[in-house]
C-alpha atoms as a PDB file:
ATOM      1  CA  MET A   1     118.860  74.275  58.779  1.00  0.00           C
ATOM      2  CA  ARG A   2     115.263  74.379  59.758  1.00  0.00           C
ATOM      3  CA  LEU A   3     116.308  75.331  63.316  1.00  0.00           C
ATOM      4  CA  THR A   4     118.360  78.228  62.010  1.00  0.00           C
ATOM      5  CA  ILE A   5     115.363  79.529  59.938  1.00  0.00           C
ATOM      6  CA  ARG A   6     113.209  79.226  63.052  1.00  0.00           C
ATOM      7  CA  LEU A   7     115.782  81.188  65.210  1.00  0.00           C
ATOM      8  CA  VAL A   8     115.973  83.968  62.551  1.00  0.00           C
ATOM      9  CA  ALA A   9     112.207  84.161  62.312  1.00  0.00           C
ATOM     10  CA  LEU A  10     111.869  84.343  66.144  1.00  0.00           C
ATOM     11  CA  SER A  11     114.544  87.049  66.363  1.00  0.00           C
ATOM     12  CA  LEU A  12     112.745  89.160  63.700  1.00  0.00           C
ATOM     13  CA  ILE A  13     109.376  88.855  65.390  1.00  0.00           C
ATOM     14  CA  LEU A  14     111.010  89.932  68.766  1.00  0.00           C
ATOM     15  CA  ILE A  15     112.758  92.841  67.119  1.00  0.00           C
ATOM     16  CA  VAL A  16     109.488  94.014  65.494  1.00  0.00           C
ATOM     17  CA  LEU A  17     107.752  93.685  68.833  1.00  0.00           C
ATOM     18  CA  LEU A  18     110.562  95.854  70.549  1.00  0.00           C
ATOM     19  CA  VAL A  19     110.231  98.839  68.170  1.00  0.00           C
ATOM     20  CA  PRO A  20     106.826 100.046  69.471  1.00  0.00           C
ATOM     21  CA  LEU A  21     107.815  99.242  73.068  1.00  0.00           C
ATOM     22  CA  ALA A  22     110.946 101.348  72.754  1.00  0.00           C
ATOM     23  CA  ALA A  23     108.996 104.138  71.177  1.00  0.00           C
ATOM     24  CA  SER A  24     106.376 104.118  73.953  1.00  0.00           C
ATOM     25  CA  ALA A  25     109.159 104.360  76.612  1.00  0.00           C
ATOM     26  CA  SER A  26     110.283 107.734  75.234  1.00  0.00           C
ATOM     27  CA  GLY A  27     107.581 110.252  75.937  1.00  0.00           C
ATOM     28  CA  GLY A  28     107.908 113.751  77.334  1.00  0.00           C
ATOM     29  CA  PRO A  29     110.075 114.561  80.293  1.00  0.00           C
ATOM     30  CA  CYS A  30     109.485 112.172  83.174  1.00  0.00           C
ATOM     31  CA  PRO A  31     106.761 110.260  81.464  1.00  0.00           C
ATOM     32  CA  ASP A  32     104.018 108.706  83.576  1.00  0.00           C
ATOM     33  CA  ASP A  33     104.495 104.975  84.037  1.00  0.00           C
ATOM     34  CA  PRO A  34     101.124 103.066  84.341  1.00  0.00           C
ATOM     35  CA  VAL A  35     102.863  99.768  85.122  1.00  0.00           C
ATOM     36  CA  ALA A  36     105.040 101.272  87.861  1.00  0.00           C
ATOM     37  CA  SER A  37     101.874 102.842  89.494  1.00  0.00           C
ATOM     38  CA  GLN A  38     100.460  99.341  90.220  1.00  0.00           C
ATOM     39  CA  ASN A  39     102.662  99.481  93.420  1.00  0.00           C
ATOM     40  CA  CYS A  40     101.394 102.938  94.521  1.00  0.00           C
ATOM     41  CA  ASN A  41      99.731 103.987  97.789  1.00  0.00           C
ATOM     42  CA  LYS A  42      96.030 103.773  97.286  1.00  0.00           C
ATOM     43  CA  THR A  43      95.252 105.636 100.434  1.00  0.00           C
ATOM     44  CA  ALA A  44      96.581 108.855 102.075  1.00  0.00           C
ATOM     45  CA  PRO A  45      98.398 110.081 104.034  1.00  0.00           C
ATOM     46  CA  PRO A  46     101.079 110.578 102.852  1.00  0.00           C
ATOM     47  CA  TYR A  47      99.740 112.893 100.280  1.00  0.00           C
ATOM     48  CA  PHE A  48     101.451 113.250  96.962  1.00  0.00           C
ATOM     49  CA  VAL A  49     101.783 116.403  94.736  1.00  0.00           C
ATOM     50  CA  VAL A  50     103.297 116.698  91.257  1.00  0.00           C
ATOM     51  CA  THR A  51     104.226 120.362  90.822  1.00  0.00           C
ATOM     52  CA  ASN A  52     105.134 120.973  87.160  1.00  0.00           C
ATOM     53  CA  ARG A  53     102.671 119.525  84.661  1.00  0.00           C
ATOM     54  CA  SER A  54     100.693 121.275  82.002  1.00  0.00           C
ATOM     55  CA  GLU A  55      97.282 120.575  83.587  1.00  0.00           C
ATOM     56  CA  GLU A  56      95.836 120.929  87.054  1.00  0.00           C
ATOM     57  CA  HIS A  57      93.987 118.400  89.250  1.00  0.00           C
ATOM     58  CA  LEU A  58      93.334 119.343  92.811  1.00  0.00           C
ATOM     59  CA  TRP A  59      89.690 118.847  93.774  1.00  0.00           C
ATOM     60  CA  ASP A  60      89.083 115.701  91.587  1.00  0.00           C
ATOM     61  CA  ARG A  61      91.929 113.646  93.240  1.00  0.00           C
ATOM     62  CA  PRO A  62      92.528 112.165  96.718  1.00  0.00           C
ATOM     63  CA  GLY A  63      96.263 112.983  96.559  1.00  0.00           C
ATOM     64  CA  THR A  64      97.416 109.431  96.880  1.00  0.00           C
ATOM     65  CA  GLY A  65     100.417 107.764  95.241  1.00  0.00           C
ATOM     66  CA  CYS A  66      98.013 106.499  92.565  1.00  0.00           C
ATOM     67  CA  GLN A  67      96.209 109.782  91.985  1.00  0.00           C
ATOM     68  CA  PRO A  68      98.416 112.586  93.198  1.00  0.00           C
ATOM     69  CA  PHE A  69      97.399 116.236  93.231  1.00  0.00           C
ATOM     70  CA  ILE A  70      98.807 117.958  90.092  1.00  0.00           C
ATOM     71  CA  LEU A  71      99.777 121.635  89.979  1.00  0.00           C
ATOM     72  CA  LYS A  72      99.900 123.506  86.709  1.00  0.00           C
ATOM     73  CA  HIS A  73     103.404 124.980  86.426  1.00  0.00           C
ATOM     74  CA  PRO A  74     104.730 123.701  83.146  1.00  0.00           C
ATOM     75  CA  ASP A  75     107.556 126.231  82.901  1.00  0.00           C
ATOM     76  CA  CYS A  76     109.281 125.014  85.941  1.00  0.00           C
ATOM     77  CA  LYS A  77     112.319 123.135  84.685  1.00  0.00           C
ATOM     78  CA  ASP A  78     114.925 123.627  87.568  1.00  0.00           C
ATOM     79  CA  CYS A  79     112.936 122.413  90.527  1.00  0.00           C
ATOM     80  CA  THR A  80     115.805 122.332  93.003  1.00  0.00           C
ATOM     81  CA  ASN A  81     116.845 125.860  92.356  1.00  0.00           C
ATOM     82  CA  PRO A  82     114.838 128.339  94.542  1.00  0.00           C
ATOM     83  CA  ALA A  83     116.237 131.285  92.364  1.00  0.00           C
ATOM     84  CA  ASP A  84     114.417 129.927  89.241  1.00  0.00           C
ATOM     85  CA  PRO A  85     111.340 132.259  88.922  1.00  0.00           C
ATOM     86  CA  ASN A  86     109.292 129.563  87.351  1.00  0.00           C
ATOM     87  CA  CYS A  87     109.906 127.070  90.242  1.00  0.00           C
ATOM     88  CA  GLY A  88     110.621 129.327  93.246  1.00  0.00           C
ATOM     89  CA  GLY A  89     107.051 130.743  93.158  1.00  0.00           C
ATOM     90  CA  ILE A  90     105.444 127.270  93.645  1.00  0.00           C
ATOM     91  CA  ASP A  91     103.870 127.242  97.098  1.00  0.00           C
ATOM     92  CA  VAL A  92     102.689 123.820  98.033  1.00  0.00           C
ATOM     93  CA  ASN A  93     101.524 125.076 101.410  1.00  0.00           C
ATOM     94  CA  ALA A  94      99.168 127.654  99.836  1.00  0.00           C
ATOM     95  CA  GLU A  95      98.089 125.750  96.753  1.00  0.00           C
ATOM     96  CA  VAL A  96      97.510 122.326  98.350  1.00  0.00           C
ATOM     97  CA  CYS A  97      97.873 122.170 102.092  1.00  0.00           C
ATOM     98  CA  GLN A  98      95.717 125.108 103.069  1.00  0.00           C
ATOM     99  CA  THR A  99      93.451 125.368 100.048  1.00  0.00           C
ATOM    100  CA  VAL A 100      92.676 121.683  99.516  1.00  0.00           C
ATOM    101  CA  LEU A 101      93.695 119.500 102.511  1.00  0.00           C
ATOM    102  CA  ALA A 102      92.697 121.895 105.282  1.00  0.00           C
ATOM    103  CA  SER A 103      89.284 122.674 103.615  1.00  0.00           C
ATOM    104  CA  ARG A 104      88.598 118.973 103.342  1.00  0.00           C
ATOM    105  CA  GLY A 105      89.505 118.323 106.942  1.00  0.00           C
ATOM    106  CA  ALA A 106      92.061 115.823 105.715  1.00  0.00           C
ATOM    107  CA  PRO A 107      94.116 114.077 108.571  1.00  0.00           C
ATOM    108  CA  ALA A 108      97.714 115.181 109.377  1.00  0.00           C
ATOM    109  CA  GLY A 109     100.509 113.543 107.632  1.00  0.00           C
ATOM    110  CA  ASP A 110     103.388 113.952 105.194  1.00  0.00           C
ATOM    111  CA  VAL A 111     102.997 115.758 101.881  1.00  0.00           C
ATOM    112  CA  ILE A 112     105.432 114.541  99.256  1.00  0.00           C
ATOM    113  CA  GLU A 113     106.176 117.177  96.504  1.00  0.00           C
ATOM    114  CA  MET A 114     107.440 115.517  93.258  1.00  0.00           C
ATOM    115  CA  CYS A 115     108.921 117.485  90.397  1.00  0.00           C
ATOM    116  CA  CYS A 116     110.340 116.601  86.988  1.00  0.00           C
ATOM    117  CA  ASN A 117     113.750 118.351  86.907  1.00  0.00           C
ATOM    118  CA  CYS A 118     114.996 118.880  83.400  1.00  0.00           C
ATOM    119  CA  VAL A 119     118.223 120.873  84.011  1.00  0.00           C
ATOM    120  CA  SER A 120     120.841 118.324  83.966  1.00  0.00           C
ATOM    121  CA  ASN A 121     118.927 115.864  81.754  1.00  0.00           C
ATOM    122  CA  PRO A 122     116.469 117.019  79.007  1.00  0.00           C
ATOM    123  CA  SER A 123     114.465 113.797  79.269  1.00  0.00           C
ATOM    124  CA  GLY A 124     113.945 114.653  82.941  1.00  0.00           C
ATOM    125  CA  ASP A 125     114.880 113.202  86.383  1.00  0.00           C
ATOM    126  CA  TRP A 126     112.276 112.925  89.230  1.00  0.00           C
ATOM    127  CA  VAL A 127     113.135 114.697  92.495  1.00  0.00           C
ATOM    128  CA  TYR A 128     111.003 114.883  95.573  1.00  0.00           C
ATOM    129  CA  ARG A 129     110.971 116.475  99.100  1.00  0.00           C
ATOM    130  CA  VAL A 130     108.696 116.013 102.091  1.00  0.00           C
ATOM    131  CA  TRP A 131     106.462 118.546 103.829  1.00  0.00           C
ATOM    132  CA  SER A 132     104.723 117.988 107.112  1.00  0.00           C
ATOM    133  CA  PHE A 133     100.947 118.682 107.178  1.00  0.00           C
ATOM    134  CA  ASP A 134      99.487 119.399 110.639  1.00  0.00           C
ATOM    135  CA  GLY A 135      95.797 119.469 109.735  1.00  0.00           C
ATOM    136  CA  SER A 136      95.748 123.186 108.788  1.00  0.00           C
ATOM    137  CA  SER A 137      99.038 123.944 106.956  1.00  0.00           C
ATOM    138  CA  CYS A 138     102.294 122.514 105.814  1.00  0.00           C
ATOM    139  CA  THR A 139     105.803 123.127 107.388  1.00  0.00           C
ATOM    140  CA  GLY A 140     109.154 122.272 105.876  1.00  0.00           C
ATOM    141  CA  PRO A 141     109.941 121.406 103.242  1.00  0.00           C
ATOM    142  CA  GLY A 142     112.836 118.904 103.565  1.00  0.00           C
ATOM    143  CA  GLU A 143     115.804 118.662 101.182  1.00  0.00           C
ATOM    144  CA  TRP A 144     115.364 117.556  97.605  1.00  0.00           C
ATOM    145  CA  GLN A 145     116.035 113.916  96.934  1.00  0.00           C
ATOM    146  CA  ARG A 146     116.604 112.131  93.555  1.00  0.00           C
ATOM    147  CA  GLY A 147     114.183 109.638  92.165  1.00  0.00           C
ATOM    148  CA  LEU A 148     110.577 108.782  92.896  1.00  0.00           C
ATOM    149  CA  PRO A 149     109.443 108.530  96.548  1.00  0.00           C
ATOM    150  CA  PRO A 150     108.236 105.205  97.864  1.00  0.00           C
ATOM    151  CA  GLY A 151     104.526 104.459  97.255  1.00  0.00           C
ATOM    152  CA  THR A 152     104.525 105.784  93.708  1.00  0.00           C
ATOM    153  CA  GLY A 153     105.904 102.647  92.028  1.00  0.00           C
ATOM    154  CA  VAL A 154     109.130 101.397  90.643  1.00  0.00           C
ATOM    155  CA  ASP A 155     110.991 103.828  88.405  1.00  0.00           C
ATOM    156  CA  LEU A 156     111.703 101.345  85.574  1.00  0.00           C
ATOM    157  CA  PRO A 157     109.621 101.579  82.420  1.00  0.00           C
ATOM    158  CA  ALA A 158     107.831  98.333  81.465  1.00  0.00           C
ATOM    159  CA  PRO A 159     108.887  98.441  77.787  1.00  0.00           C
ATOM    160  CA  TRP A 160     112.560  98.207  78.854  1.00  0.00           C
ATOM    161  CA  ILE A 161     111.774  95.227  81.091  1.00  0.00           C
ATOM    162  CA  ILE A 162     109.911  93.475  78.308  1.00  0.00           C
ATOM    163  CA  GLY A 163     112.689  94.360  75.842  1.00  0.00           C
ATOM    164  CA  GLY A 164     115.359  93.043  78.209  1.00  0.00           C
ATOM    165  CA  LEU A 165     113.380  89.728  78.602  1.00  0.00           C
ATOM    166  CA  ALA A 166     113.082  89.458  74.829  1.00  0.00           C
ATOM    167  CA  VAL A 167     116.778  89.984  74.347  1.00  0.00           C
ATOM    168  CA  LEU A 168     117.493  87.421  77.061  1.00  0.00           C
ATOM    169  CA  GLY A 169     115.163  84.926  75.362  1.00  0.00           C
ATOM    170  CA  VAL A 170     116.897  85.357  71.975  1.00  0.00           C
ATOM    171  CA  GLY A 171     120.223  84.814  73.754  1.00  0.00           C
ATOM    172  CA  LEU A 172     119.049  81.644  75.455  1.00  0.00           C
ATOM    173  CA  VAL A 173     117.672  80.209  72.151  1.00  0.00           C
ATOM    174  CA  GLY A 174     120.903  81.081  70.398  1.00  0.00           C
ATOM    175  CA  ALA A 175     122.930  79.406  73.117  1.00  0.00           C
ATOM    176  CA  GLY A 176     120.695  76.318  72.920  1.00  0.00           C
ATOM    177  CA  VAL A 177     121.262  76.108  69.143  1.00  0.00           C
ATOM    178  CA  LEU A 178     125.076  76.251  69.590  1.00  0.00           C
ATOM    179  CA  VAL A 179     125.003  73.520  72.362  1.00  0.00           C
ATOM    180  CA  ARG A 180     122.805  71.337  70.200  1.00  0.00           C
ATOM    181  CA  ARG A 181     125.114  71.646  67.169  1.00  0.00           C
ATOM    182  CA  ARG A 182     128.139  70.720  69.272  1.00  0.00           C
ATOM    183  CA  VAL A 183     126.425  67.676  70.837  1.00  0.00           C
ATOM    184  CA  ALA A 184     125.219  66.591  67.334  1.00  0.00           C
ATOM    185  CA  ARG A 185     128.792  66.751  65.930  1.00  0.00           C
ATOM    186  CA  ALA A 186     130.381  64.817  68.762  1.00  0.00           C
END
């Protein structure tokens, strides 16, 4: 009986801990993931640009996977549609390559444009495409690809990992209780 009470208490504590973790996983569309960014590229090139946020950071960032350039285009929801007036007018070559990278004398390399696409999924899906920076301007871009590019971290929120481990722990404790009871009865 004591073991059952302990198991119930442990389960309740884990459930209480999961509630704020699950709440933190649901942010705005394509929320930033501080845990995933631990595996990001700390140096450039390649350079990274996020195109549709509500703030702009160009001159105060190096454009790495850890600190990408951010363009202020919050109305862009359909990144992969060039006919969308809110997204079709985003010019990474003019806004980043020529204005920031060329004026800094940055070395040539790839420029990876990332965008939070909210058309098919209201919570957002990351898409990206690659431009080529030759030292003065960008050419391209390539085709849009789904997900986050390499060097920006794993696209799996930490709260879901922790929650999965907690559920696994409760399951293992429950299985242990069942095995112990069967052995004790035999």
